[in-house]
N, C-alpha and C. Protein backbone atom coordinates (compact mmCIF):
# COMPACT_ATOMS: atom_id res chain seq x y z
N MET A 1 51.16 140.75 -19.61
CA MET A 1 51.19 139.63 -18.67
C MET A 1 52.01 138.48 -19.26
N LEU A 2 52.98 138.00 -18.51
CA LEU A 2 53.77 136.88 -18.97
C LEU A 2 52.93 135.61 -19.02
N GLU A 3 53.18 134.80 -20.05
CA GLU A 3 52.49 133.52 -20.18
C GLU A 3 53.53 132.44 -20.47
N TYR A 4 53.16 131.21 -20.13
CA TYR A 4 54.10 130.10 -20.23
C TYR A 4 53.41 128.91 -20.88
N LYS A 5 54.19 128.18 -21.68
CA LYS A 5 53.68 126.96 -22.27
C LYS A 5 53.67 125.84 -21.23
N ARG A 6 52.93 124.81 -21.57
CA ARG A 6 52.78 123.71 -20.61
C ARG A 6 54.11 123.07 -20.27
N ASN A 7 55.01 122.94 -21.24
CA ASN A 7 56.31 122.33 -20.93
C ASN A 7 57.06 123.17 -19.90
N GLN A 8 56.95 124.50 -19.97
CA GLN A 8 57.61 125.37 -19.00
C GLN A 8 57.02 125.19 -17.60
N VAL A 9 55.69 125.12 -17.55
CA VAL A 9 55.02 124.95 -16.27
C VAL A 9 55.42 123.62 -15.63
N GLU A 10 55.41 122.55 -16.42
CA GLU A 10 55.77 121.24 -15.89
C GLU A 10 57.24 121.21 -15.43
N GLU A 11 58.12 121.84 -16.19
CA GLU A 11 59.53 121.84 -15.82
C GLU A 11 59.75 122.62 -14.52
N ALA A 12 59.11 123.78 -14.40
CA ALA A 12 59.28 124.59 -13.19
C ALA A 12 58.72 123.87 -11.97
N ILE A 13 57.55 123.26 -12.12
CA ILE A 13 56.95 122.52 -11.01
C ILE A 13 57.82 121.33 -10.63
N SER A 14 58.35 120.65 -11.63
CA SER A 14 59.20 119.49 -11.37
C SER A 14 60.44 119.88 -10.56
N HIS A 15 61.00 121.04 -10.83
CA HIS A 15 62.18 121.47 -10.07
C HIS A 15 61.87 121.64 -8.59
N LEU A 16 60.60 121.94 -8.27
CA LEU A 16 60.21 122.09 -6.87
C LEU A 16 59.79 120.78 -6.23
N LEU A 17 59.02 119.98 -6.95
CA LEU A 17 58.46 118.75 -6.38
C LEU A 17 59.34 117.53 -6.60
N GLU A 18 60.20 117.58 -7.62
CA GLU A 18 61.07 116.45 -7.95
C GLU A 18 62.51 116.97 -8.14
N PRO A 19 63.11 117.53 -7.11
CA PRO A 19 64.41 118.21 -7.29
C PRO A 19 65.53 117.30 -7.77
N THR A 20 65.40 116.00 -7.61
CA THR A 20 66.47 115.11 -8.06
C THR A 20 66.26 114.61 -9.48
N SER A 21 65.13 114.97 -10.11
CA SER A 21 64.86 114.49 -11.46
C SER A 21 65.30 115.54 -12.48
N PRO A 22 66.04 115.15 -13.52
CA PRO A 22 66.51 116.12 -14.51
C PRO A 22 65.39 116.69 -15.38
N LYS A 23 64.27 116.01 -15.45
CA LYS A 23 63.13 116.48 -16.21
C LYS A 23 61.85 115.96 -15.54
N PRO A 24 60.69 116.51 -15.89
CA PRO A 24 59.45 116.06 -15.25
C PRO A 24 59.24 114.56 -15.46
N THR A 25 58.92 113.86 -14.40
CA THR A 25 58.65 112.44 -14.51
C THR A 25 57.28 112.22 -15.17
N GLN A 26 57.10 111.02 -15.68
CA GLN A 26 55.82 110.69 -16.29
C GLN A 26 54.70 110.76 -15.25
N GLY A 27 55.02 110.39 -14.01
CA GLY A 27 54.01 110.45 -12.97
C GLY A 27 53.52 111.85 -12.72
N LEU A 28 54.44 112.82 -12.65
CA LEU A 28 54.03 114.21 -12.44
C LEU A 28 53.23 114.72 -13.63
N ARG A 29 53.68 114.43 -14.84
CA ARG A 29 52.98 114.90 -16.03
C ARG A 29 51.57 114.32 -16.10
N THR A 30 51.42 113.05 -15.70
CA THR A 30 50.10 112.42 -15.72
C THR A 30 49.17 113.07 -14.70
N LYS A 31 49.67 113.34 -13.50
CA LYS A 31 48.84 113.99 -12.48
C LYS A 31 48.43 115.38 -12.92
N ALA A 32 49.36 116.12 -13.52
CA ALA A 32 49.02 117.46 -14.01
C ALA A 32 47.98 117.38 -15.11
N LYS A 33 48.14 116.44 -16.02
CA LYS A 33 47.19 116.27 -17.11
C LYS A 33 45.80 115.96 -16.58
N ARG A 34 45.73 115.10 -15.58
CA ARG A 34 44.43 114.72 -15.02
C ARG A 34 43.77 115.89 -14.30
N LEU A 35 44.56 116.72 -13.63
CA LEU A 35 43.99 117.91 -13.00
C LEU A 35 43.41 118.85 -14.05
N LEU A 36 44.14 119.06 -15.14
CA LEU A 36 43.67 119.94 -16.20
C LEU A 36 42.39 119.38 -16.84
N GLU A 37 42.38 118.07 -17.07
CA GLU A 37 41.19 117.44 -17.66
C GLU A 37 40.00 117.52 -16.72
N ALA A 38 40.25 117.34 -15.42
CA ALA A 38 39.16 117.42 -14.45
C ALA A 38 38.60 118.84 -14.38
N ASP A 39 39.46 119.83 -14.54
CA ASP A 39 39.01 121.23 -14.55
C ASP A 39 38.09 121.47 -15.74
N ARG A 40 38.47 120.97 -16.90
CA ARG A 40 37.62 121.10 -18.09
C ARG A 40 36.30 120.38 -17.90
N ALA A 41 36.36 119.16 -17.36
CA ALA A 41 35.15 118.35 -17.20
C ALA A 41 34.18 119.01 -16.23
N LEU A 42 34.70 119.57 -15.14
CA LEU A 42 33.83 120.22 -14.17
C LEU A 42 33.14 121.42 -14.79
N HIS A 43 33.87 122.17 -15.61
CA HIS A 43 33.27 123.34 -16.26
C HIS A 43 32.19 122.92 -17.24
N ALA A 44 32.40 121.78 -17.92
CA ALA A 44 31.47 121.34 -18.95
C ALA A 44 30.26 120.60 -18.38
N SER A 45 30.35 120.14 -17.14
CA SER A 45 29.27 119.34 -16.57
C SER A 45 28.03 120.18 -16.30
N ALA A 46 26.92 119.55 -16.20
CA ALA A 46 25.66 120.25 -15.97
C ALA A 46 25.72 121.02 -14.66
N GLY A 47 25.37 122.28 -14.73
CA GLY A 47 25.31 123.10 -13.52
C GLY A 47 26.63 123.69 -13.10
N ALA A 48 27.73 123.38 -13.79
CA ALA A 48 29.03 123.94 -13.40
C ALA A 48 29.04 125.44 -13.67
N ASN A 49 29.66 126.19 -12.79
CA ASN A 49 29.77 127.62 -13.01
C ASN A 49 31.03 128.14 -12.33
N GLY A 50 31.29 129.42 -12.53
CA GLY A 50 32.46 130.01 -11.92
C GLY A 50 33.70 129.89 -12.78
N ASN A 51 34.82 130.26 -12.23
CA ASN A 51 36.07 130.27 -12.96
C ASN A 51 36.65 128.87 -13.12
N PHE A 52 37.49 128.74 -14.14
CA PHE A 52 38.36 127.57 -14.19
C PHE A 52 39.38 127.68 -13.06
N ALA A 53 39.92 126.54 -12.67
CA ALA A 53 41.01 126.54 -11.70
C ALA A 53 42.34 126.87 -12.35
N PHE A 54 42.56 126.35 -13.59
CA PHE A 54 43.88 126.39 -14.20
C PHE A 54 43.92 127.00 -15.60
N PHE A 55 42.82 127.56 -16.06
CA PHE A 55 42.76 128.18 -17.38
C PHE A 55 42.18 129.59 -17.25
N SER A 56 42.51 130.44 -18.22
CA SER A 56 41.94 131.79 -18.24
C SER A 56 40.58 131.80 -18.91
N ALA A 57 40.38 130.88 -19.84
CA ALA A 57 39.11 130.80 -20.58
C ALA A 57 38.96 129.38 -21.09
N GLU A 58 37.91 129.14 -21.82
CA GLU A 58 37.67 127.81 -22.39
C GLU A 58 38.90 127.38 -23.18
N PRO A 59 39.52 126.24 -22.83
CA PRO A 59 40.72 125.80 -23.57
C PRO A 59 40.38 125.49 -25.02
N PRO A 60 41.29 125.78 -25.95
CA PRO A 60 41.05 125.46 -27.35
C PRO A 60 41.09 123.96 -27.59
N GLY A 61 40.75 123.57 -28.79
CA GLY A 61 40.73 122.15 -29.13
C GLY A 61 42.13 121.57 -29.25
N ARG A 62 42.16 120.28 -29.57
CA ARG A 62 43.44 119.59 -29.69
C ARG A 62 44.29 120.21 -30.79
N GLY A 63 45.61 120.20 -30.60
CA GLY A 63 46.52 120.72 -31.61
C GLY A 63 46.80 122.20 -31.49
N ILE A 64 46.10 122.90 -30.59
CA ILE A 64 46.30 124.32 -30.40
C ILE A 64 47.15 124.54 -29.14
N GLU A 65 48.15 125.40 -29.27
CA GLU A 65 49.02 125.67 -28.13
C GLU A 65 48.24 126.34 -27.00
N ILE A 66 48.44 125.87 -25.77
CA ILE A 66 47.81 126.47 -24.60
C ILE A 66 48.88 127.18 -23.79
N TRP A 67 48.58 128.42 -23.41
CA TRP A 67 49.49 129.21 -22.60
C TRP A 67 48.86 129.45 -21.24
N PHE A 68 49.69 129.44 -20.20
CA PHE A 68 49.23 129.61 -18.82
C PHE A 68 49.83 130.88 -18.23
N SER A 69 49.04 131.58 -17.44
CA SER A 69 49.56 132.73 -16.71
C SER A 69 50.42 132.24 -15.55
N ALA A 70 51.17 133.17 -14.95
CA ALA A 70 51.98 132.81 -13.79
C ALA A 70 51.09 132.31 -12.67
N TYR A 71 49.92 132.93 -12.51
CA TYR A 71 49.00 132.46 -11.47
C TYR A 71 48.54 131.04 -11.76
N GLU A 72 48.15 130.76 -13.01
CA GLU A 72 47.63 129.43 -13.33
C GLU A 72 48.69 128.35 -13.14
N ALA A 73 49.95 128.67 -13.43
CA ALA A 73 51.03 127.72 -13.13
C ALA A 73 51.11 127.47 -11.64
N PHE A 74 50.99 128.54 -10.85
CA PHE A 74 51.02 128.41 -9.39
C PHE A 74 49.82 127.62 -8.88
N ALA A 75 48.65 127.84 -9.47
CA ALA A 75 47.46 127.10 -9.06
C ALA A 75 47.64 125.60 -9.34
N LEU A 76 48.25 125.27 -10.47
CA LEU A 76 48.48 123.86 -10.78
C LEU A 76 49.46 123.25 -9.79
N LEU A 77 50.51 123.97 -9.44
CA LEU A 77 51.43 123.49 -8.40
C LEU A 77 50.69 123.24 -7.10
N THR A 78 49.83 124.15 -6.71
CA THR A 78 49.09 124.00 -5.46
C THR A 78 48.14 122.81 -5.53
N GLY A 79 47.49 122.61 -6.68
CA GLY A 79 46.64 121.44 -6.84
C GLY A 79 47.41 120.15 -6.68
N LEU A 80 48.61 120.11 -7.23
CA LEU A 80 49.46 118.91 -7.08
C LEU A 80 49.90 118.72 -5.63
N ARG A 81 50.14 119.81 -4.92
CA ARG A 81 50.47 119.70 -3.49
C ARG A 81 49.29 119.13 -2.70
N LEU A 82 48.09 119.56 -3.04
CA LEU A 82 46.91 119.01 -2.38
C LEU A 82 46.82 117.50 -2.60
N MET A 83 47.03 117.08 -3.83
CA MET A 83 46.96 115.65 -4.14
C MET A 83 48.05 114.88 -3.41
N ALA A 84 49.23 115.47 -3.29
CA ALA A 84 50.34 114.80 -2.61
C ALA A 84 50.03 114.57 -1.14
N HIS A 85 49.12 115.37 -0.58
CA HIS A 85 48.72 115.22 0.81
C HIS A 85 47.43 114.41 0.96
N GLY A 86 47.04 113.72 -0.10
CA GLY A 86 45.94 112.78 -0.01
C GLY A 86 44.58 113.30 -0.43
N TRP A 87 44.50 114.54 -0.90
CA TRP A 87 43.21 115.05 -1.35
C TRP A 87 42.90 114.48 -2.73
N PRO A 88 41.67 114.01 -2.95
CA PRO A 88 41.31 113.46 -4.26
C PRO A 88 41.43 114.52 -5.35
N GLN A 89 41.64 114.06 -6.56
CA GLN A 89 41.81 114.94 -7.71
C GLN A 89 40.64 115.91 -7.87
N GLY A 90 39.41 115.40 -7.81
CA GLY A 90 38.24 116.25 -7.98
C GLY A 90 38.12 117.29 -6.88
N GLN A 91 38.49 116.90 -5.66
CA GLN A 91 38.44 117.84 -4.54
C GLN A 91 39.48 118.92 -4.72
N ALA A 92 40.66 118.56 -5.21
CA ALA A 92 41.71 119.55 -5.44
C ALA A 92 41.25 120.59 -6.46
N VAL A 93 40.61 120.15 -7.52
CA VAL A 93 40.11 121.08 -8.54
C VAL A 93 39.04 121.99 -7.95
N SER A 94 38.12 121.42 -7.18
CA SER A 94 37.04 122.22 -6.58
C SER A 94 37.60 123.28 -5.65
N VAL A 95 38.60 122.91 -4.84
CA VAL A 95 39.21 123.87 -3.93
C VAL A 95 39.85 125.01 -4.71
N MET A 96 40.62 124.68 -5.76
CA MET A 96 41.32 125.72 -6.50
C MET A 96 40.36 126.60 -7.29
N ARG A 97 39.25 126.04 -7.73
CA ARG A 97 38.24 126.88 -8.39
C ARG A 97 37.60 127.84 -7.39
N SER A 98 37.31 127.35 -6.21
CA SER A 98 36.58 128.18 -5.24
C SER A 98 37.42 129.33 -4.69
N VAL A 99 38.73 129.13 -4.57
CA VAL A 99 39.57 130.19 -3.99
C VAL A 99 40.20 131.09 -5.04
N ARG A 100 39.98 130.81 -6.32
CA ARG A 100 40.69 131.57 -7.35
C ARG A 100 40.53 133.08 -7.24
N PRO A 101 39.33 133.63 -7.07
CA PRO A 101 39.22 135.10 -7.04
C PRO A 101 40.12 135.75 -5.99
N SER A 102 40.12 135.20 -4.79
CA SER A 102 40.95 135.80 -3.74
C SER A 102 42.41 135.41 -3.88
N LEU A 103 42.69 134.17 -4.27
CA LEU A 103 44.08 133.73 -4.36
C LEU A 103 44.81 134.40 -5.51
N GLU A 104 44.15 134.63 -6.62
CA GLU A 104 44.82 135.29 -7.74
C GLU A 104 45.25 136.70 -7.36
N GLU A 105 44.40 137.40 -6.61
CA GLU A 105 44.75 138.75 -6.14
C GLU A 105 45.91 138.69 -5.14
N GLU A 106 45.85 137.74 -4.21
CA GLU A 106 46.91 137.61 -3.22
C GLU A 106 48.23 137.19 -3.86
N HIS A 107 48.15 136.36 -4.90
CA HIS A 107 49.35 135.93 -5.61
C HIS A 107 50.07 137.13 -6.20
N ARG A 108 49.34 138.04 -6.81
CA ARG A 108 49.97 139.25 -7.34
C ARG A 108 50.61 140.06 -6.22
N ARG A 109 49.93 140.15 -5.09
CA ARG A 109 50.43 140.97 -3.98
C ARG A 109 51.73 140.40 -3.41
N ILE A 110 51.76 139.10 -3.13
CA ILE A 110 52.93 138.55 -2.45
C ILE A 110 54.15 138.52 -3.37
N LEU A 111 53.95 138.46 -4.69
CA LEU A 111 55.09 138.47 -5.59
C LEU A 111 55.74 139.85 -5.68
N LEU A 112 55.07 140.88 -5.18
CA LEU A 112 55.65 142.22 -5.15
C LEU A 112 56.63 142.41 -3.99
N HIS A 113 56.61 141.49 -3.05
CA HIS A 113 57.51 141.61 -1.91
C HIS A 113 58.97 141.49 -2.34
N ASP A 114 59.82 142.28 -1.70
CA ASP A 114 61.26 142.14 -1.87
C ASP A 114 61.70 140.84 -1.20
N PRO A 115 62.25 139.90 -1.96
CA PRO A 115 62.67 138.62 -1.35
C PRO A 115 63.65 138.79 -0.20
N ASN A 116 64.50 139.81 -0.27
CA ASN A 116 65.47 140.03 0.81
C ASN A 116 64.75 140.31 2.13
N TRP A 117 63.65 141.05 2.07
CA TRP A 117 62.85 141.29 3.28
C TRP A 117 62.03 140.06 3.62
N LEU A 118 61.38 139.47 2.62
CA LEU A 118 60.43 138.39 2.86
C LEU A 118 61.08 137.19 3.52
N PHE A 119 62.30 136.86 3.09
CA PHE A 119 62.97 135.65 3.58
C PHE A 119 64.12 135.97 4.53
N ASP A 120 64.04 137.11 5.20
CA ASP A 120 65.06 137.51 6.18
C ASP A 120 64.92 136.63 7.42
N GLN A 121 65.72 135.58 7.50
CA GLN A 121 65.58 134.60 8.58
C GLN A 121 65.92 135.21 9.95
N GLU A 122 66.83 136.16 9.99
CA GLU A 122 67.14 136.80 11.26
C GLU A 122 65.94 137.57 11.79
N ALA A 123 65.24 138.29 10.92
CA ALA A 123 64.06 139.03 11.33
C ALA A 123 62.94 138.07 11.75
N ILE A 124 62.81 136.95 11.04
CA ILE A 124 61.78 135.97 11.39
C ILE A 124 62.03 135.41 12.79
N ARG A 125 63.27 135.06 13.09
CA ARG A 125 63.61 134.54 14.42
C ARG A 125 63.39 135.60 15.50
N LYS A 126 63.77 136.84 15.19
CA LYS A 126 63.64 137.92 16.15
C LYS A 126 62.19 138.18 16.52
N ASN A 127 61.28 138.07 15.55
CA ASN A 127 59.87 138.39 15.78
C ASN A 127 59.05 137.19 16.24
N ALA A 128 59.66 136.00 16.28
CA ALA A 128 58.91 134.80 16.66
C ALA A 128 58.57 134.84 18.15
N GLN A 129 57.37 134.35 18.45
CA GLN A 129 56.90 134.25 19.82
C GLN A 129 56.70 132.78 20.18
N PRO A 130 56.83 132.42 21.48
CA PRO A 130 56.60 131.02 21.88
C PRO A 130 55.23 130.54 21.42
N GLY A 131 55.19 129.36 20.83
CA GLY A 131 53.94 128.80 20.37
C GLY A 131 53.54 129.20 18.97
N ASP A 132 54.29 130.10 18.34
CA ASP A 132 53.98 130.52 16.98
C ASP A 132 54.17 129.36 16.00
N HIS A 133 53.41 129.40 14.90
CA HIS A 133 53.68 128.51 13.79
C HIS A 133 55.04 128.87 13.19
N ALA A 134 55.73 127.88 12.67
CA ALA A 134 57.04 128.10 12.08
C ALA A 134 56.89 128.30 10.57
N PHE A 135 57.24 129.48 10.09
CA PHE A 135 57.23 129.77 8.66
C PHE A 135 58.60 130.32 8.27
N ASP A 136 58.95 130.16 7.00
CA ASP A 136 60.25 130.66 6.54
C ASP A 136 60.13 131.98 5.79
N ASN A 137 59.01 132.68 5.97
CA ASN A 137 58.86 134.00 5.37
C ASN A 137 58.07 134.89 6.33
N GLN A 138 58.09 136.20 6.05
CA GLN A 138 57.48 137.16 6.95
C GLN A 138 56.02 137.52 6.61
N ASP A 139 55.48 136.93 5.57
CA ASP A 139 54.10 137.19 5.20
C ASP A 139 53.43 135.90 4.74
N PRO A 140 53.23 134.94 5.66
CA PRO A 140 52.66 133.66 5.26
C PRO A 140 51.22 133.80 4.78
N LEU A 141 50.97 133.24 3.62
CA LEU A 141 49.62 133.18 3.05
C LEU A 141 49.17 131.73 3.12
N LEU A 142 47.99 131.50 3.68
CA LEU A 142 47.56 130.14 4.01
C LEU A 142 46.29 129.75 3.28
N LEU A 143 46.37 128.67 2.50
CA LEU A 143 45.17 128.01 1.99
C LEU A 143 44.61 127.22 3.16
N THR A 144 43.45 127.64 3.64
CA THR A 144 42.88 127.10 4.87
C THR A 144 41.66 126.27 4.52
N ILE A 145 41.69 124.98 4.86
CA ILE A 145 40.60 124.06 4.53
C ILE A 145 40.04 123.45 5.81
N VAL A 146 38.74 123.58 5.99
CA VAL A 146 38.06 122.98 7.14
C VAL A 146 37.19 121.84 6.61
N SER A 147 37.45 120.64 7.06
CA SER A 147 36.71 119.46 6.59
C SER A 147 36.17 118.68 7.77
N GLY A 148 35.09 117.96 7.53
CA GLY A 148 34.52 117.09 8.56
C GLY A 148 33.71 117.81 9.61
N ALA A 149 33.45 119.12 9.45
CA ALA A 149 32.66 119.84 10.44
C ALA A 149 31.18 119.52 10.27
N ALA A 150 30.45 119.57 11.37
CA ALA A 150 29.01 119.29 11.33
C ALA A 150 28.24 120.56 11.00
N ASP A 151 27.22 120.45 10.13
CA ASP A 151 26.36 121.59 9.85
C ASP A 151 25.28 121.66 10.93
N PRO A 152 24.39 122.68 10.90
CA PRO A 152 23.38 122.83 11.96
C PRO A 152 22.49 121.61 12.17
N SER A 153 22.31 120.79 11.13
CA SER A 153 21.47 119.60 11.26
C SER A 153 22.22 118.41 11.83
N GLY A 154 23.52 118.57 12.04
CA GLY A 154 24.33 117.47 12.56
C GLY A 154 25.00 116.65 11.49
N GLN A 155 24.71 116.95 10.21
CA GLN A 155 25.33 116.23 9.11
C GLN A 155 26.72 116.81 8.82
N ARG A 156 27.59 115.95 8.35
CA ARG A 156 28.93 116.40 8.00
C ARG A 156 28.87 117.23 6.72
N ALA A 157 29.32 118.46 6.78
CA ALA A 157 29.26 119.37 5.64
C ALA A 157 30.45 119.14 4.72
N ASP A 158 30.34 119.62 3.48
CA ASP A 158 31.46 119.58 2.55
C ASP A 158 32.58 120.48 3.07
N PRO A 159 33.82 120.18 2.70
CA PRO A 159 34.93 121.05 3.13
C PRO A 159 34.72 122.49 2.65
N VAL A 160 35.14 123.42 3.46
CA VAL A 160 35.09 124.83 3.08
C VAL A 160 36.51 125.38 3.16
N CYS A 161 36.80 126.38 2.36
CA CYS A 161 38.18 126.87 2.31
C CYS A 161 38.21 128.38 2.13
N LYS A 162 39.35 128.95 2.51
CA LYS A 162 39.55 130.39 2.43
C LYS A 162 41.04 130.66 2.36
N ILE A 163 41.40 131.74 1.68
CA ILE A 163 42.78 132.21 1.68
C ILE A 163 42.94 133.18 2.83
N CYS A 164 43.85 132.88 3.75
CA CYS A 164 44.02 133.68 4.97
C CYS A 164 45.43 134.25 5.05
N ARG A 165 45.52 135.47 5.55
CA ARG A 165 46.81 136.10 5.79
C ARG A 165 47.26 135.79 7.21
N GLY A 166 48.04 134.76 7.35
CA GLY A 166 48.58 134.41 8.65
C GLY A 166 47.71 133.45 9.44
N PRO A 167 48.30 132.78 10.43
CA PRO A 167 47.58 131.76 11.21
C PRO A 167 46.46 132.34 12.06
N GLY A 168 46.57 133.59 12.51
CA GLY A 168 45.49 134.16 13.30
C GLY A 168 44.20 134.21 12.53
N GLU A 169 44.27 134.69 11.30
CA GLU A 169 43.07 134.74 10.45
C GLU A 169 42.57 133.35 10.12
N ALA A 170 43.50 132.41 9.93
CA ALA A 170 43.11 131.03 9.61
C ALA A 170 42.34 130.40 10.77
N HIS A 171 42.79 130.61 11.99
CA HIS A 171 42.11 130.01 13.14
C HIS A 171 40.78 130.70 13.41
N GLN A 172 40.67 131.99 13.14
CA GLN A 172 39.38 132.66 13.25
C GLN A 172 38.38 132.05 12.28
N PHE A 173 38.83 131.78 11.06
CA PHE A 173 37.96 131.16 10.06
C PHE A 173 37.53 129.77 10.52
N PHE A 174 38.47 129.00 11.05
CA PHE A 174 38.14 127.65 11.53
C PHE A 174 37.08 127.70 12.61
N HIS A 175 37.24 128.58 13.58
CA HIS A 175 36.26 128.67 14.67
C HIS A 175 34.90 129.14 14.16
N ALA A 176 34.91 130.00 13.15
CA ALA A 176 33.65 130.54 12.64
C ALA A 176 32.83 129.50 11.90
N VAL A 177 33.49 128.57 11.21
CA VAL A 177 32.74 127.64 10.35
C VAL A 177 32.65 126.23 10.91
N SER A 178 33.42 125.91 11.95
CA SER A 178 33.50 124.51 12.36
C SER A 178 32.72 124.18 13.62
N ALA A 179 32.28 125.19 14.36
CA ALA A 179 31.65 124.95 15.65
C ALA A 179 32.53 124.06 16.53
N MET A 180 33.85 124.29 16.40
CA MET A 180 34.86 123.57 17.18
C MET A 180 34.91 122.07 16.87
N SER A 181 34.47 121.70 15.67
CA SER A 181 34.58 120.30 15.25
C SER A 181 35.23 120.28 13.87
N GLY A 182 35.57 119.09 13.42
CA GLY A 182 36.19 118.97 12.10
C GLY A 182 37.70 119.13 12.16
N ALA A 183 38.31 119.12 10.99
CA ALA A 183 39.76 119.16 10.87
C ALA A 183 40.19 120.41 10.13
N LEU A 184 41.30 120.98 10.55
CA LEU A 184 41.87 122.17 9.93
C LEU A 184 43.15 121.78 9.20
N THR A 185 43.22 122.10 7.91
CA THR A 185 44.41 121.84 7.11
C THR A 185 44.92 123.15 6.55
N LEU A 186 46.22 123.40 6.71
CA LEU A 186 46.83 124.64 6.24
C LEU A 186 47.93 124.33 5.23
N PHE A 187 47.93 125.04 4.12
CA PHE A 187 49.00 124.97 3.14
C PHE A 187 49.59 126.37 2.99
N GLU A 188 50.86 126.54 3.36
CA GLU A 188 51.51 127.84 3.22
C GLU A 188 51.86 128.04 1.74
N LEU A 189 51.56 129.23 1.21
CA LEU A 189 51.65 129.46 -0.23
C LEU A 189 52.71 130.48 -0.65
N THR A 190 53.11 131.37 0.23
CA THR A 190 54.00 132.46 -0.17
C THR A 190 55.34 131.94 -0.69
N THR A 191 55.95 131.03 0.05
CA THR A 191 57.26 130.53 -0.35
C THR A 191 57.20 129.80 -1.68
N SER A 192 56.20 128.94 -1.86
CA SER A 192 56.10 128.19 -3.12
C SER A 192 55.82 129.13 -4.29
N ALA A 193 55.06 130.21 -4.07
CA ALA A 193 54.78 131.17 -5.14
C ALA A 193 56.08 131.83 -5.61
N HIS A 194 56.92 132.25 -4.67
CA HIS A 194 58.17 132.89 -5.05
C HIS A 194 59.15 131.90 -5.69
N ARG A 195 59.20 130.70 -5.16
CA ARG A 195 60.11 129.71 -5.72
C ARG A 195 59.70 129.33 -7.15
N LEU A 196 58.39 129.18 -7.36
CA LEU A 196 57.92 128.82 -8.71
C LEU A 196 58.18 129.97 -9.68
N ALA A 197 57.95 131.21 -9.26
CA ALA A 197 58.20 132.34 -10.14
C ALA A 197 59.66 132.35 -10.59
N GLY A 198 60.57 132.03 -9.66
CA GLY A 198 61.97 131.97 -10.02
C GLY A 198 62.29 130.85 -11.00
N GLU A 199 61.67 129.71 -10.79
CA GLU A 199 61.92 128.57 -11.69
C GLU A 199 61.35 128.83 -13.08
N LEU A 200 60.21 129.50 -13.17
CA LEU A 200 59.61 129.77 -14.48
C LEU A 200 60.53 130.63 -15.34
N THR A 201 61.27 131.54 -14.72
CA THR A 201 62.17 132.40 -15.48
C THR A 201 63.32 131.62 -16.12
N LYS A 202 63.58 130.42 -15.65
CA LYS A 202 64.68 129.62 -16.16
C LYS A 202 64.26 128.71 -17.32
N THR A 203 62.98 128.67 -17.65
CA THR A 203 62.47 127.75 -18.66
C THR A 203 62.36 128.42 -20.02
N GLU A 204 62.30 127.60 -21.06
CA GLU A 204 62.10 128.08 -22.42
C GLU A 204 60.95 127.31 -23.05
N PRO A 205 60.11 128.00 -23.83
CA PRO A 205 58.99 127.30 -24.45
C PRO A 205 59.46 126.36 -25.56
N ARG A 206 58.81 125.21 -25.67
CA ARG A 206 59.03 124.31 -26.78
C ARG A 206 57.81 124.35 -27.69
N PHE A 207 58.05 124.52 -28.99
CA PHE A 207 56.96 124.61 -29.93
C PHE A 207 56.89 123.34 -30.77
N ARG A 208 55.70 122.96 -31.13
CA ARG A 208 55.51 121.74 -31.90
C ARG A 208 56.16 121.86 -33.27
N GLY A 209 56.87 120.80 -33.65
CA GLY A 209 57.46 120.77 -34.97
C GLY A 209 58.70 121.61 -35.14
N ARG A 210 59.22 122.17 -34.01
CA ARG A 210 60.41 123.00 -34.10
C ARG A 210 61.45 122.49 -33.12
N SER A 211 62.67 122.71 -33.41
CA SER A 211 63.76 122.31 -32.52
C SER A 211 64.32 123.53 -31.85
N HIS A 212 64.35 123.52 -30.46
CA HIS A 212 64.88 124.65 -29.69
C HIS A 212 65.91 124.12 -28.71
C-alpha cells in the first residue's frame, strides 16, 4: 500500500483547493493541522470509539514521521471541503469518522475505474435525462448528510450521513431518515478522489534534517 508524508498530502490538496498558490498556504496547513488534532482528541476523549478519520492507528509521539494512506489523504481533503462549506471542525471530523468503513471501501472501488470511461463527457451528455443532477463523471459517489430533521419526539436530531452511489440512493436515504424535514447536503467524491490520486503521484516526501 502506498503511503505519503504529510508534506505530500498538503501539497496535493493545495493543488486542488488553492490552484493559484505555488505551495500550501499557512491557512490551509493550519486547518489541516486542526483537523488532525481534533481527530486525535476525539479518539482520546472519554467514551470515544471507532476508527480515526485520518490515521490508520494511534499516531506516534512528536518527532516521529507520520505516513498517510491514499484514503487518509482523501479523507483529509474531504474534511477540508466540509469546513469550506461552513461545517464546524468537530462536525467534519465526526462525519469522516462515521463514514470511514464504507467510504474507504468505495474509495478503492472508484479508483479502479478507467479515467477515459469515467470522465467521458460525450457519454455523460448522451445519458443525461431532464432534471438529472449534473456530474462530470459516470459513477458519482455522494457523501450524503441530512441535518435538522426531527426525531420521533419532535426534537432536532444530530446530522446523519451515508455514502451513496448516485443521487437516487441519496434521496432514498434522505426520505428514510428525515420524515420529509431537515436539509440534504451532497458532496460528490469521485472526481476529487481521482484528481487527488493524480496529484499525489507528483509529490516527493521531505524528510527531517535532509535536503531533497
